Amino acid sequence: MTEPKAMNLRFPDPEQRAAIAAAAKQEGVSMQEYILSAAYARATAVEQRFLEGFKESMARSGAAFAAEPSSVDPSPEQRAAEQQARAELERRNQGQAA
């Protein structure tokens, strides 16, 4: 069995490499471990956000199916509130993507 290869840690920006090296040193871990830990934390945060959104969606779907047939069609006020909430969510998502 061969030894696993180390990550190739090339950084085009020397300042970026120095900042990561300093952060890794402060944490008391190698640069590779620091970068992998940060990537894992980011991935699990994305997963958690997806799961929260999914749970909210399931709750809304359950409420819609449990509603009386006459209350399924939203009022104009409810439609306006939903559109406002959707626009705010899109603005928030655009801000986080940047």
Protein backbone atom coordinates (compact mmCIF):
# COMPACT_ATOMS: atom_id res chain seq x y z
CA MET A 1 0.00 0.00 0.00
CA THR A 2 1.42 3.40 -0.97
CA GLU A 3 1.55 6.46 1.23
CA PRO A 4 -1.11 9.09 0.49
CA LYS A 5 0.25 12.17 -1.20
CA ALA A 6 0.19 15.49 0.59
CA MET A 7 -1.95 18.30 -0.70
CA ASN A 8 -0.27 20.59 -3.17
CA LEU A 9 -0.48 23.95 -1.41
CA ARG A 10 0.35 26.49 -4.08
CA PHE A 11 -0.84 30.02 -3.58
CA PRO A 12 -0.46 32.65 -6.30
CA ASP A 13 -0.68 35.36 -3.64
CA PRO A 14 2.16 35.23 -1.08
CA GLU A 15 0.12 37.34 1.35
CA GLN A 16 -2.70 34.80 1.23
CA ARG A 17 -0.27 31.97 1.96
CA ALA A 18 1.24 33.93 4.85
CA ALA A 19 -2.20 34.66 6.32
CA ILE A 20 -3.22 30.99 6.13
CA ALA A 21 0.12 29.87 7.55
CA ALA A 22 -0.26 32.31 10.47
CA ALA A 23 -3.82 31.15 11.15
CA ALA A 24 -2.75 27.49 11.05
CA LYS A 25 0.15 28.21 13.39
CA GLN A 26 -2.17 30.02 15.79
CA GLU A 27 -4.47 26.96 15.79
CA GLY A 28 -1.48 24.67 16.26
CA VAL A 29 -2.10 22.59 13.14
CA SER A 30 -0.51 22.14 9.74
CA MET A 31 -1.64 24.27 6.81
CA GLN A 32 -3.14 21.19 5.19
CA GLU A 33 -5.17 20.34 8.28
CA TYR A 34 -6.25 23.97 8.68
CA ILE A 35 -7.45 24.19 5.06
CA LEU A 36 -9.25 20.83 5.24
CA SER A 37 -10.93 21.82 8.52
CA ALA A 38 -12.10 25.10 7.01
CA ALA A 39 -13.44 23.31 3.93
CA TYR A 40 -15.25 20.79 6.11
CA ALA A 41 -16.77 23.54 8.27
CA ARG A 42 -17.96 25.36 5.16
CA ALA A 43 -19.47 22.20 3.67
CA THR A 44 -21.30 21.30 6.87
CA ALA A 45 -22.62 24.87 7.17
CA VAL A 46 -24.00 24.64 3.63
CA GLU A 47 -25.52 21.25 4.44
CA GLN A 48 -27.11 22.62 7.62
CA ARG A 49 -28.60 25.55 5.74
CA PHE A 50 -30.02 23.21 3.10
CA LEU A 51 -31.58 21.00 5.78
CA GLU A 52 -33.13 24.00 7.53
CA GLY A 53 -34.64 25.18 4.26
CA PHE A 54 -35.92 21.70 3.54
CA LYS A 55 -37.57 21.47 6.97
CA GLU A 56 -39.24 24.85 6.43
CA SER A 57 -40.45 23.71 3.03
CA MET A 58 -41.85 20.50 4.49
CA ALA A 59 -43.68 22.47 7.17
CA ARG A 60 -45.21 24.79 4.58
CA SER A 61 -46.23 21.85 2.41
CA GLY A 62 -47.80 20.05 5.35
CA ALA A 63 -49.73 23.16 6.31
CA ALA A 64 -50.97 23.60 2.74
CA PHE A 65 -52.23 20.03 2.54
CA ALA A 66 -53.87 20.28 5.96
CA ALA A 67 -55.70 23.51 5.06
CA GLU A 68 -59.38 23.61 4.25
CA PRO A 69 -60.04 23.70 0.50
CA SER A 70 -61.54 27.21 0.78
CA SER A 71 -58.41 28.55 2.48
CA VAL A 72 -55.95 27.15 -0.08
CA ASP A 73 -56.33 30.12 -2.44
CA PRO A 74 -54.39 32.95 -0.79
CA SER A 75 -55.85 36.38 -0.27
CA PRO A 76 -54.30 39.36 -2.09
CA GLU A 77 -52.67 40.42 1.21
CA GLN A 78 -51.14 36.98 1.69
CA ARG A 79 -49.85 36.96 -1.90
CA ALA A 80 -48.26 40.38 -1.37
CA ALA A 81 -46.62 39.18 1.87
CA GLU A 82 -45.29 36.06 0.12
CA GLN A 83 -43.87 38.12 -2.75
CA GLN A 84 -42.20 40.48 -0.29
CA ALA A 85 -40.73 37.57 1.67
CA ARG A 86 -39.48 35.94 -1.54
CA ALA A 87 -37.84 39.20 -2.69
CA GLU A 88 -36.17 39.63 0.72
CA LEU A 89 -34.89 36.04 0.64
CA GLU A 90 -33.47 36.56 -2.85
CA ARG A 91 -31.71 39.77 -1.73
CA ARG A 92 -30.27 37.94 1.28
CA ASN A 93 -29.06 35.06 -0.89
CA GLN A 94 -27.47 37.47 -3.39
CA GLY A 95 -25.67 39.22 -0.56
CA GLN A 96 -24.24 35.94 0.75
CA ALA A 97 -23.18 34.77 -2.70
CA ALA A 98 -21.02 37.88 -3.10
